[in-house]
């Protein structure tokens, strides 16, 4: 009987490797070709003074309250002539609320408060708001910059960092766990792989720090030192370097002294390094933060153990006899089942915390990437099931061809997990539905009504911020076929029967296609009626009426 064609098996393995390498190269090329933007995930919920406010006295302090903890990058208070007024922090420059105190009382003037912060998940955001002190308030409301320049190589660095950390950690633990079932050749081969992936982890960690720094200070080759400083101060940079250093130390300890307590210490150090990655990202921003960090740490460690064990098993297929390989595969399978169950449970918990609704899986970029990640995981699990049900018994029966099929499947599993890691990295650059929902909720405070008259003409009436106090009333007009109307004049009547407040009539000011008024008329909670009258031509006047409830 003719034995298996070793040359053919080698060709098949080479073809698989070439296909996998081509696929990864295509993904990396696509990533580099995309002009990447890091979307900010921190949302400004409230400011004091509010955007567009008119103050009668110099404010004793300035407050910015966000939906999650942030770290201040810069804050500036400028008057209308561009002169800067000194602001001093009252307390910490990090947290959900930032407080600043002017160094001296401010004179009557128009002011702009500009701020730049970075959230705990590593994404920067900036914004500005204008207010008036003793003069007419500005027409503009708060503005946030929701896109910040980020180097395109960041999308490549993150998967390399995670893959190298996972490989080093998982391979370190697996080598100790299955030490009695490994051959000398497998141990030596694993040491070479460990040195390679640990070195890659250190290089990737520094590149991650630099990418984060460039995202905060801008892409400027002359500002490398400033970018490194900002990157090292960020949660993303600290966690990446901590993980790389811990993994490098554990690999060095394992290679120099694999036996006894030293090996256990090396494994624990590698696990701690992987868990350090959980202290940066979306998971730490959703309350309760302790639950998110714990779930993500367990998720990352178990993913690393899975990846590293597969890598060790793949190396072992080249050196062990079929009977030994069958025993090793059975031991791995018995551990893999509970490992995968806990891994998936943590993943479901993290997903539930970031998705605002089930429909977000199919209607948001984050959900689509997450769906692709789940599909890749299912494919890997199906391959693993085939290994357990079909190939393990075949190896036990001495089927020589099962070795080649197992090697092929392990390569496919490793490539599948590498794809999962890449998709998980892409999620870190994508705003989760939770953050988008919070942003929409913050924007929803600006109440909007659209009303029509008998002729089909419509008026869109908005209140910003839509709360009791100083508000901007803005109105835009459309005809029956959605074309903008340009009235000759417009005014608004403000009244509240519930509060027994007599009507107040004010003239609106034209600003482009909008007619605007800033004022304190909506000063009490309750129901308010706003009547807009627009003079369309010397003989035609349109009237629109809307109700607003203020708190």
Protein backbone atom coordinates (compact mmCIF):
# COMPACT_ATOMS: atom_id res chain seq x y z
CA UNK A 1 0.00 0.00 0.00
CA UNK A 2 1.30 3.42 -0.92
CA UNK A 3 1.90 5.81 1.99
CA UNK A 4 0.88 9.41 2.06
CA UNK A 5 2.55 11.71 -0.40
CA UNK A 6 4.70 13.89 1.83
CA UNK A 7 5.55 16.18 -1.05
CA UNK A 8 1.86 16.73 -1.76
CA UNK A 9 1.17 17.44 1.92
CA UNK A 10 3.99 19.94 1.99
CA UNK A 11 2.60 21.63 -1.12
CA UNK A 12 -0.83 21.85 0.47
CA UNK A 13 0.64 23.41 3.61
CA UNK A 14 2.63 25.86 1.52
CA UNK A 15 -0.48 26.76 -0.47
CA UNK A 16 -2.44 27.36 2.72
CA UNK A 17 0.33 29.54 4.10
CA UNK A 18 0.53 31.50 0.85
CA UNK A 19 -3.25 31.99 0.84
CA UNK A 20 -3.22 33.10 4.47
CA UNK A 21 -0.31 35.45 3.90
CA UNK A 22 -2.00 36.92 0.83
CA UNK A 23 -5.22 37.43 2.77
CA UNK A 24 -3.44 39.19 5.63
CA UNK A 25 -1.44 41.31 3.17
CA UNK A 26 -4.65 42.37 1.45
CA UNK A 27 -6.22 43.31 4.77
CA UNK A 28 -3.17 45.32 5.81
CA UNK A 29 -3.00 47.06 2.43
CA UNK A 30 -6.67 47.95 2.70
CA UNK A 31 -6.09 49.31 6.19
CA UNK A 32 -3.18 51.47 5.10
CA UNK A 33 -5.17 52.83 2.17
CA UNK A 34 -7.99 54.07 4.38
CA UNK A 35 -7.67 57.63 5.75
CA UNK A 36 -8.40 56.58 9.31
CA UNK A 37 -10.18 58.84 11.78
CA UNK A 38 -10.59 58.07 15.44
CA UNK A 39 -14.10 58.98 16.45
CA UNK A 40 -14.39 60.50 19.88
CA UNK A 41 -16.52 58.57 22.30
CA UNK A 42 -16.69 61.01 25.21
CA UNK A 43 -19.78 63.25 25.06
CA UNK A 44 -20.12 66.67 26.64
CA UNK A 45 -23.35 66.46 28.61
CA UNK A 46 -23.41 69.84 30.31
CA UNK A 47 -21.41 73.03 30.58
CA UNK A 48 -21.52 76.04 32.88
CA UNK A 49 -21.99 78.54 31.45
CA UNK A 50 -24.17 76.99 28.77
CA UNK A 51 -23.47 77.59 25.11
CA UNK A 52 -25.00 80.90 24.01
CA UNK A 53 -25.59 82.09 27.58
CA UNK A 54 -25.71 85.75 28.59
CA UNK A 55 -24.17 86.41 32.01
CA UNK A 56 -24.58 89.57 34.04
CA UNK A 57 -21.55 88.94 36.30
CA UNK A 58 -18.19 87.30 35.83
CA UNK A 59 -18.56 83.53 36.35
CA UNK A 60 -16.76 82.25 39.46
CA UNK A 61 -15.91 79.01 37.68
CA UNK A 62 -16.28 77.02 34.46
CA UNK A 63 -17.56 73.44 34.44
CA UNK A 64 -17.49 70.76 31.73
CA UNK A 65 -19.34 67.51 32.53
CA UNK A 66 -18.86 64.46 30.30
CA UNK A 67 -20.58 61.09 30.08
CA UNK A 68 -17.39 59.28 31.09
CA UNK A 69 -14.03 60.09 32.70
CA UNK A 70 -11.68 62.18 30.56
CA UNK A 71 -8.20 63.65 30.87
CA UNK A 72 -7.61 67.28 29.96
CA UNK A 73 -5.27 68.04 27.08
CA UNK A 74 -5.85 71.78 26.79
CA UNK A 75 -8.34 74.52 27.69
CA UNK A 76 -8.37 78.14 26.51
CA UNK A 77 -10.61 81.12 27.21
CA UNK A 78 -10.45 83.76 24.47
CA UNK A 79 -12.26 87.06 24.08
CA UNK A 80 -13.54 88.46 20.78
CA UNK A 81 -10.13 89.98 19.99
CA UNK A 82 -8.34 86.65 20.46
CA UNK A 83 -6.79 87.61 23.80
CA UNK A 84 -6.42 84.69 26.20
CA UNK A 85 -7.54 84.74 29.84
CA UNK A 86 -5.84 82.44 32.32
CA UNK A 87 -7.89 79.55 33.72
CA UNK A 88 -6.69 77.60 36.74
CA UNK A 89 -7.91 74.05 37.49
CA UNK A 90 -9.87 73.82 40.73
CA UNK A 91 -9.20 70.11 41.23
CA UNK A 92 -7.96 67.13 39.24
CA UNK A 93 -7.50 67.45 35.48
CA UNK A 94 -9.25 64.12 34.98
CA UNK A 95 -12.67 62.69 35.75
CA UNK A 96 -16.21 63.12 34.49
CA UNK A 97 -16.31 66.80 35.48
CA UNK A 98 -13.57 69.37 34.89
CA UNK A 99 -13.68 72.67 36.82
CA UNK A 100 -11.66 75.80 36.07
CA UNK A 101 -11.46 79.16 37.84
CA UNK A 102 -10.55 82.43 36.07
CA UNK A 103 -7.40 84.01 37.48
CA UNK A 104 -9.22 87.36 37.71
CA UNK A 105 -12.77 88.70 37.14
CA UNK A 106 -13.66 88.93 33.46
CA UNK A 107 -14.72 92.21 31.82
CA UNK A 108 -17.88 92.56 29.72
CA UNK A 109 -17.12 90.84 26.44
CA UNK A 110 -17.93 87.96 24.11
CA UNK A 111 -15.94 84.81 25.01
CA UNK A 112 -15.05 81.44 23.52
CA UNK A 113 -14.16 78.50 25.76
CA UNK A 114 -12.16 75.92 23.81
CA UNK A 115 -11.27 72.51 25.23
CA UNK A 116 -9.51 69.31 24.23
CA UNK A 117 -9.75 66.09 26.25
CA UNK A 118 -9.04 62.39 25.81
CA UNK A 119 -11.35 59.71 27.19
CA UNK A 120 -10.18 56.62 29.05
CA UNK A 121 -10.65 54.51 25.92
CA UNK A 122 -7.89 56.60 24.29
CA UNK A 123 -10.02 58.65 21.89
CA UNK A 124 -9.52 62.43 21.85
CA UNK A 125 -12.31 64.96 21.40
CA UNK A 126 -12.37 68.73 21.27
CA UNK A 127 -15.02 71.39 21.28
CA UNK A 128 -15.83 75.01 21.98
CA UNK A 129 -18.71 77.09 23.23
CA UNK A 130 -19.40 80.80 23.18
CA UNK A 131 -21.10 82.97 25.78
CA UNK A 132 -21.57 86.65 26.55
CA UNK A 133 -20.79 88.66 29.67
CA UNK A 134 -22.76 91.90 29.93
CA UNK A 135 -23.36 92.15 26.16
CA UNK A 136 -25.63 90.49 23.61
CA UNK A 137 -25.00 86.73 23.49
CA UNK A 138 -23.38 85.09 20.46
CA UNK A 139 -25.56 83.24 17.94
CA UNK A 140 -23.43 80.10 17.89
CA UNK A 141 -23.99 77.16 20.22
CA UNK A 142 -21.53 74.57 21.48
CA UNK A 143 -19.54 72.79 18.81
CA UNK A 144 -17.69 69.51 19.22
CA UNK A 145 -15.10 68.13 16.85
CA UNK A 146 -16.01 64.47 16.46
CA UNK A 147 -13.05 63.49 14.30
CA UNK A 148 -9.39 63.66 15.11
CA UNK A 149 -6.47 62.76 12.84
CA UNK A 150 -4.97 59.36 13.59
CA UNK A 151 -2.10 57.69 11.74
CA UNK A 152 -3.31 54.97 9.38
CA UNK A 153 -0.64 52.59 10.68
CA UNK A 154 -2.56 52.47 13.98
CA UNK A 155 -5.00 50.04 12.37
CA UNK A 156 -2.10 47.70 11.64
CA UNK A 157 -0.18 48.17 14.89
CA UNK A 158 -3.05 47.18 17.16
CA UNK A 159 -3.63 43.71 15.64
CA UNK A 160 0.13 43.03 15.66
CA UNK A 161 0.33 44.02 19.32
CA UNK A 162 -2.60 41.85 20.39
CA UNK A 163 -1.53 38.87 18.28
CA UNK A 164 2.05 38.92 19.60
CA UNK A 165 0.89 39.33 23.23
CA UNK A 166 -1.62 36.51 22.83
CA UNK A 167 0.92 34.22 21.19
CA UNK A 168 3.59 34.84 23.83
CA UNK A 169 1.22 34.46 26.79
CA UNK A 170 -0.66 31.44 25.48
CA UNK A 171 2.46 29.65 24.32
CA UNK A 172 4.19 30.26 27.68
CA UNK A 173 1.29 28.80 29.66
CA UNK A 174 0.65 25.93 27.23
CA UNK A 175 4.30 24.91 27.25
CA UNK A 176 4.19 24.57 31.03
CA UNK A 177 0.78 22.89 31.13
CA UNK A 178 1.61 20.23 28.53
CA UNK A 179 5.34 19.93 29.40
CA UNK A 180 5.16 16.17 30.06
CA UNK A 181 3.65 15.51 26.62
CA UNK A 182 6.13 17.52 24.54
CA UNK A 183 9.25 16.39 22.76
CA UNK A 184 12.58 18.18 23.04
CA UNK A 185 12.29 19.34 19.45
CA UNK A 186 8.86 20.88 20.16
CA UNK A 187 10.20 22.70 23.24
CA UNK A 188 13.12 24.16 21.28
CA UNK A 189 10.84 25.20 18.42
CA UNK A 190 8.48 26.91 20.88
CA UNK A 191 11.41 28.85 22.37
CA UNK A 192 12.27 30.30 18.98
CA UNK A 193 8.65 31.32 18.46
CA UNK A 194 8.53 32.87 21.94
CA UNK A 195 11.58 35.02 21.29
CA UNK A 196 10.12 36.19 18.00
CA UNK A 197 6.64 37.10 19.30
CA UNK A 198 7.99 38.73 22.48
CA UNK A 199 10.26 40.95 20.39
CA UNK A 200 7.33 41.80 18.12
CA UNK A 201 5.23 42.66 21.19
CA UNK A 202 7.80 45.20 22.41
CA UNK A 203 8.14 46.84 18.98
CA UNK A 204 4.36 46.93 18.53
CA UNK A 205 3.85 48.42 21.99
CA UNK A 206 6.16 51.35 21.23
CA UNK A 207 4.43 51.83 17.88
CA UNK A 208 1.08 51.82 19.71
CA UNK A 209 2.33 54.53 22.08
CA UNK A 210 3.53 56.61 19.13
CA UNK A 211 0.25 56.17 17.25
CA UNK A 212 -1.74 57.24 20.30
CA UNK A 213 0.54 60.24 20.76
CA UNK A 214 0.15 61.32 17.14
CA UNK A 215 -3.62 61.04 17.55
CA UNK A 216 -3.44 63.51 20.45
CA UNK A 217 -0.93 66.06 19.17
CA UNK A 218 -1.31 65.66 15.39
CA UNK A 219 0.86 63.98 12.78
CA UNK A 220 4.11 65.90 12.68
CA UNK A 221 7.45 64.11 12.38
CA UNK A 222 9.07 66.98 14.28
CA UNK A 223 6.77 66.32 17.21
CA UNK A 224 7.82 62.70 17.85
CA UNK A 225 8.99 63.44 21.40
CA UNK A 226 5.76 65.26 22.22
CA UNK A 227 3.76 62.40 20.70
CA UNK A 228 5.69 59.85 22.78
CA UNK A 229 5.09 61.88 25.94
CA UNK A 230 1.35 62.09 25.29
CA UNK A 231 1.18 58.44 24.29
CA UNK A 232 2.94 57.35 27.47
CA UNK A 233 0.52 59.42 29.54
CA UNK A 234 -2.52 57.77 27.92
CA UNK A 235 -4.25 54.68 29.25
CA UNK A 236 -3.73 52.96 25.89
CA UNK A 237 0.02 53.59 25.95
CA UNK A 238 0.49 52.53 29.56
CA UNK A 239 -1.45 49.28 29.12
CA UNK A 240 0.38 48.39 25.88
CA UNK A 241 3.85 48.93 27.34
CA UNK A 242 2.95 47.16 30.59
CA UNK A 243 1.73 44.13 28.66
CA UNK A 244 4.81 44.03 26.42
CA UNK A 245 7.28 44.38 29.30
CA UNK A 246 5.50 41.71 31.36
CA UNK A 247 5.45 39.29 28.43
CA UNK A 248 9.10 39.93 27.60
CA UNK A 249 10.10 39.31 31.23
CA UNK A 250 8.05 36.11 31.43
CA UNK A 251 9.49 34.71 28.20
CA UNK A 252 13.04 35.49 29.34
CA UNK A 253 12.42 33.79 32.69
CA UNK A 254 10.86 30.75 31.04
CA UNK A 255 13.71 30.23 28.61
CA UNK A 256 16.42 30.71 31.25
CA UNK A 257 14.74 28.49 33.84
CA UNK A 258 11.70 26.56 32.61
CA UNK A 259 11.41 24.20 35.54
CA UNK A 260 10.14 24.68 39.09
CA UNK A 261 8.63 27.86 40.52
CA UNK A 262 10.34 30.00 37.88
CA UNK A 263 8.09 28.61 35.17
CA UNK A 264 4.96 29.29 37.21
CA UNK A 265 6.11 32.87 37.87
CA UNK A 266 6.78 33.32 34.16
CA UNK A 267 3.26 32.12 33.30
CA UNK A 268 1.66 34.40 35.90
CA UNK A 269 3.66 37.36 34.63
CA UNK A 270 2.52 36.71 31.06
CA UNK A 271 -1.12 36.42 32.19
CA UNK A 272 -0.82 39.67 34.16
CA UNK A 273 0.63 41.39 31.10
CA UNK A 274 -2.28 40.30 28.94
CA UNK A 275 -4.78 41.37 31.60
CA UNK A 276 -3.15 44.82 31.59
CA UNK A 277 -4.61 45.39 28.12
CA UNK A 278 -8.05 45.51 29.75
CA UNK A 279 -7.30 48.91 31.31
CA UNK A 280 -7.78 50.73 28.01
CA UNK A 281 -10.66 50.61 25.57
CA UNK A 282 -14.44 50.86 25.42
CA UNK A 283 -14.99 48.34 28.21
CA UNK A 284 -13.62 50.62 30.93
CA UNK A 285 -15.90 53.53 30.05
CA UNK A 286 -19.30 51.90 30.60
CA UNK A 287 -20.46 51.74 34.23
CA UNK A 288 -19.85 49.80 36.37
CA UNK A 289 -16.25 50.01 35.26
CA UNK A 290 -15.00 47.23 37.55
CA UNK A 291 -17.29 44.73 35.84
CA UNK A 292 -16.14 45.79 32.37
CA UNK A 293 -12.44 45.62 33.26
CA UNK A 294 -12.81 42.21 34.92
CA UNK A 295 -14.80 40.73 32.03
CA UNK A 296 -12.39 42.10 29.43
CA UNK A 297 -9.33 40.87 31.37
CA UNK A 298 -10.73 37.33 31.55
CA UNK A 299 -11.76 37.51 27.89
CA UNK A 300 -8.28 38.58 26.79
CA UNK A 301 -6.43 36.01 28.92
CA UNK A 302 -8.58 33.11 27.71
CA UNK A 303 -8.23 34.26 24.10
CA UNK A 304 -4.45 34.31 24.59
CA UNK A 305 -4.48 30.79 26.06
CA UNK A 306 -6.52 29.51 23.12
CA UNK A 307 -4.27 31.13 20.54
CA UNK A 308 -1.03 30.03 22.21
CA UNK A 309 -2.20 26.46 22.76
CA UNK A 310 -3.12 26.16 19.08
CA UNK A 311 0.31 27.49 18.16
CA UNK A 312 2.02 24.91 20.38
CA UNK A 313 -0.20 22.14 19.04
CA UNK A 314 0.68 23.12 15.49
CA UNK A 315 4.40 22.93 16.27
CA UNK A 316 3.89 19.57 18.02
CA UNK A 317 2.33 18.00 14.92
CA UNK A 318 5.76 18.12 13.27
CA UNK A 319 7.59 16.18 15.99
CA UNK A 320 5.30 13.86 17.97
CA UNK A 321 4.27 10.35 17.05
CA UNK A 322 0.64 9.80 16.14
CA UNK A 323 -0.26 8.18 19.48
CA UNK A 324 1.44 11.00 21.43
CA UNK A 325 -0.26 13.60 19.23
CA UNK A 326 -3.65 11.97 19.86
CA UNK A 327 -3.12 12.17 23.64
CA UNK A 328 -2.03 15.82 23.44
CA UNK A 329 -5.04 16.69 21.26
CA UNK A 330 -7.44 15.01 23.71
CA UNK A 331 -5.94 16.91 26.65
CA UNK A 332 -6.20 20.15 24.73
CA UNK A 333 -9.82 19.46 23.75
CA UNK A 334 -10.84 18.67 27.34
CA UNK A 335 -9.51 22.07 28.45
CA UNK A 336 -10.73 23.97 25.40
CA UNK A 337 -14.45 23.39 26.04
CA UNK A 338 -14.72 25.16 29.43
CA UNK A 339 -12.22 27.77 28.25
CA UNK A 340 -14.34 28.63 25.20
CA UNK A 341 -17.57 28.69 27.22
CA UNK A 342 -16.19 31.27 29.67
CA UNK A 343 -14.57 33.18 26.81
CA UNK A 344 -17.88 33.46 24.96
CA UNK A 345 -19.77 34.37 28.15
CA UNK A 346 -17.40 37.29 28.78
CA UNK A 347 -17.71 38.33 25.14
CA UNK A 348 -21.51 38.34 25.36
CA UNK A 349 -21.36 40.45 28.52
CA UNK A 350 -19.05 42.98 26.87
CA UNK A 351 -21.24 43.06 23.76
CA UNK A 352 -24.40 43.65 25.81
CA UNK A 353 -22.73 46.58 27.56
CA UNK A 354 -21.77 48.29 24.29
CA UNK A 355 -24.87 47.65 22.15
CA UNK A 356 -27.79 49.99 22.70
CA UNK A 357 -30.15 47.53 20.94
CA UNK A 358 -30.11 44.28 19.00
CA UNK A 359 -30.76 46.16 15.77
CA UNK A 360 -27.43 47.98 16.25
CA UNK A 361 -25.73 44.74 15.11
CA UNK A 362 -26.96 45.45 11.60
CA UNK A 363 -27.40 49.23 11.52
CA UNK A 364 -24.11 50.55 12.89
CA UNK A 365 -20.48 50.17 11.82
CA UNK A 366 -19.63 48.78 15.25
CA UNK A 367 -22.39 46.18 14.97
CA UNK A 368 -21.37 45.07 11.48
CA UNK A 369 -17.73 44.60 12.54
CA UNK A 370 -18.90 42.73 15.62
CA UNK A 371 -21.13 40.50 13.49
CA UNK A 372 -18.16 39.67 11.24
CA UNK A 373 -16.11 38.83 14.33
CA UNK A 374 -18.82 36.47 15.59
CA UNK A 375 -18.99 34.78 12.18
CA UNK A 376 -15.20 34.25 12.23
CA UNK A 377 -15.39 32.76 15.74
CA UNK A 378 -18.13 30.35 14.64
CA UNK A 379 -15.98 29.22 11.70
CA UNK A 380 -13.03 28.57 14.02
CA UNK A 381 -15.24 26.61 16.43
CA UNK A 382 -16.52 24.42 13.59
CA UNK A 383 -12.93 23.59 12.61
CA UNK A 384 -12.12 22.78 16.25
CA UNK A 385 -15.18 20.52 16.43
CA UNK A 386 -13.97 18.65 13.34
CA UNK A 387 -10.57 18.18 15.00
CA UNK A 388 -12.21 16.76 18.12
CA UNK A 389 -14.81 14.50 16.52
CA UNK A 390 -13.03 13.31 13.37
CA UNK A 391 -9.26 13.78 13.54
CA UNK A 392 -8.62 12.82 17.18
CA UNK A 393 -10.03 9.28 16.73
CA UNK A 394 -8.22 9.01 13.38
CA UNK A 395 -4.90 9.80 15.05
CA UNK A 396 -5.61 7.23 17.77
CA UNK A 397 -6.21 4.61 15.07
CA UNK A 398 -2.86 5.39 13.43
CA UNK A 399 -4.20 7.17 10.35
CA UNK A 400 -1.05 8.79 8.96
CA UNK A 401 -3.04 11.16 6.76
CA UNK A 402 -4.75 12.63 9.82
CA UNK A 403 -1.53 14.45 10.75
CA UNK A 404 -1.55 16.48 7.53
CA UNK A 405 -5.26 17.23 7.88
CA UNK A 406 -4.73 18.36 11.48
CA UNK A 407 -1.86 20.60 10.45
CA UNK A 408 -4.07 22.16 7.78
CA UNK A 409 -6.92 22.73 10.23
CA UNK A 410 -4.64 24.25 12.85
CA UNK A 411 -3.28 26.71 10.28
CA UNK A 412 -6.84 27.64 9.36
CA UNK A 413 -7.76 28.05 13.05
CA UNK A 414 -4.76 30.30 13.68
CA UNK A 415 -5.58 32.40 10.62
CA UNK A 416 -9.20 32.59 11.76
CA UNK A 417 -8.20 33.76 15.23
CA UNK A 418 -5.83 36.31 13.67
CA UNK A 419 -8.82 37.62 11.71
CA UNK A 420 -10.85 37.77 14.94
CA UNK A 421 -8.08 39.78 16.59
CA UNK A 422 -7.97 42.18 13.63
CA UNK A 423 -11.72 42.72 13.78
CA UNK A 424 -11.56 43.23 17.54
CA UNK A 425 -8.86 45.85 16.97
CA UNK A 426 -11.07 47.60 14.42
CA UNK A 427 -13.79 47.83 17.07
CA UNK A 428 -11.47 49.94 19.23
CA UNK A 429 -11.49 52.60 16.47
CA UNK A 430 -15.27 52.51 16.05
CA UNK A 431 -17.76 54.33 18.30
CA UNK A 432 -19.94 51.75 20.07
CA UNK A 433 -23.73 52.16 19.85
CA UNK A 434 -23.75 52.98 23.57
CA UNK A 435 -21.63 56.10 22.96
CA UNK A 436 -23.68 57.03 19.90
CA UNK A 437 -26.89 56.72 21.93
CA UNK A 438 -25.45 58.98 24.62
CA UNK A 439 -24.48 61.53 21.99
CA UNK A 440 -27.96 61.41 20.51
CA UNK A 441 -29.48 61.81 23.97
CA UNK A 442 -27.33 64.87 24.57
CA UNK A 443 -28.37 66.32 21.21
CA UNK A 444 -32.01 65.51 21.94
CA UNK A 445 -32.03 68.14 24.65
CA UNK A 446 -32.33 70.62 21.79
CA UNK A 447 -36.08 70.29 21.30
CA UNK A 448 -37.38 70.42 17.74
CA UNK A 449 -40.90 70.86 16.41
CA UNK A 450 -42.06 70.95 12.79
CA UNK A 451 -45.48 72.53 12.17
CA UNK A 452 -47.45 73.45 9.04
CA UNK A 453 -50.04 76.06 8.15
CA UNK A 454 -53.16 75.65 6.00
CA UNK A 455 -51.21 76.30 2.79
CA UNK A 456 -48.77 73.45 3.47
CA UNK A 457 -45.90 75.75 4.39
CA UNK A 458 -43.80 74.47 7.26
CA UNK A 459 -41.66 75.89 10.04
CA UNK A 460 -38.99 74.00 11.94
CA UNK A 461 -38.72 75.51 15.42
CA UNK A 462 -35.88 74.44 17.71
CA UNK A 463 -34.85 75.31 21.26
CA UNK A 464 -31.23 74.96 22.33
CA UNK A 465 -30.49 73.64 24.93
CA UNK A 466 -34.23 73.05 25.41
CA UNK A 467 -34.14 73.56 29.17
CA UNK A 468 -35.33 76.23 31.57
CA UNK A 469 -33.21 79.35 31.28
CA UNK A 470 -31.44 81.04 28.44
CA UNK A 471 -32.34 79.45 25.12
CA UNK A 472 -31.73 79.98 21.45
CA UNK A 473 -34.93 79.92 19.39
CA UNK A 474 -34.16 79.08 15.77
CA UNK A 475 -36.69 78.82 12.96
CA UNK A 476 -36.33 77.74 9.33
CA UNK A 477 -39.14 77.92 6.77
CA UNK A 478 -40.06 75.58 3.90
CA UNK A 479 -42.75 75.69 1.26
CA UNK A 480 -45.07 72.80 0.36
CA UNK A 481 -42.40 71.14 -1.85
CA UNK A 482 -39.55 71.45 0.67
CA UNK A 483 -37.90 74.49 -0.85
CA UNK A 484 -36.51 77.04 1.64
CA UNK A 485 -38.59 80.16 2.15
CA UNK A 486 -36.97 83.56 2.69
CA UNK A 487 -39.37 85.79 4.62
CA UNK A 488 -38.99 89.55 4.64
CA UNK A 489 -39.28 89.53 8.44
CA UNK A 490 -40.14 87.14 11.26
CA UNK A 491 -41.05 87.43 14.92
CA UNK A 492 -42.04 85.10 17.70
CA UNK A 493 -44.66 85.25 20.44
CA UNK A 494 -43.75 83.41 23.67
CA UNK A 495 -46.38 82.67 26.32
CA UNK A 496 -47.26 80.21 29.08
CA UNK A 497 -50.86 80.03 30.24
CA UNK A 498 -50.00 77.45 32.89
CA UNK A 499 -47.59 79.91 34.52
CA UNK A 500 -49.93 82.89 33.93
CA UNK A 501 -47.19 84.64 31.97
CA UNK A 502 -48.35 87.21 29.46
CA UNK A 503 -47.15 86.90 25.85
CA UNK A 504 -43.73 88.30 24.98
CA UNK A 505 -43.14 89.34 21.38
CA UNK A 506 -39.58 89.41 20.05
CA UNK A 507 -38.14 89.99 16.58
CA UNK A 508 -36.10 87.20 15.00
CA UNK A 509 -32.77 87.92 13.32
CA UNK A 510 -31.91 86.34 9.97
CA UNK A 511 -28.81 84.12 9.95
CA UNK A 512 -28.54 82.46 6.57
CA UNK A 513 -31.68 80.36 6.12
CA UNK A 514 -32.48 80.47 9.85
CA UNK A 515 -34.19 83.13 11.97
CA UNK A 516 -32.77 83.26 15.49
CA UNK A 517 -33.39 84.82 18.89
CA UNK A 518 -31.29 84.30 22.05
CA UNK A 519 -32.95 85.21 25.32
CA UNK A 520 -34.06 84.30 28.87
CA UNK A 521 -37.82 84.36 28.25
CA UNK A 522 -38.27 80.60 28.93
CA UNK A 523 -37.45 81.06 32.58
CA UNK A 524 -39.85 78.65 34.32
CA UNK A 525 -40.56 74.91 33.99
CA UNK A 526 -43.78 73.83 32.36
CA UNK A 527 -45.61 74.13 29.04
CA UNK A 528 -44.78 77.04 26.71
CA UNK A 529 -46.44 78.04 23.46
CA UNK A 530 -44.30 79.58 20.75
CA UNK A 531 -46.06 81.31 17.88
CA UNK A 532 -43.95 82.25 14.85
CA UNK A 533 -45.19 84.84 12.36
CA UNK A 534 -43.33 85.29 9.07
CA UNK A 535 -43.93 88.05 6.52
CA UNK A 536 -43.46 86.20 3.23
CA UNK A 537 -44.20 89.22 1.02
CA UNK A 538 -45.88 92.64 1.57
CA UNK A 539 -49.31 90.98 1.44
CA UNK A 540 -48.77 87.45 2.86
CA UNK A 541 -48.11 86.44 6.44
CA UNK A 542 -47.67 82.85 7.65
CA UNK A 543 -48.38 81.76 11.23
CA UNK A 544 -47.03 78.65 12.97
CA UNK A 545 -47.67 77.48 16.53
CA UNK A 546 -45.87 74.84 18.62
CA UNK A 547 -45.88 73.63 22.24
CA UNK A 548 -42.71 72.94 24.25
CA UNK A 549 -42.35 71.34 27.68
CA UNK A 550 -39.35 72.57 29.65
CA UNK A 551 -37.74 71.20 32.79
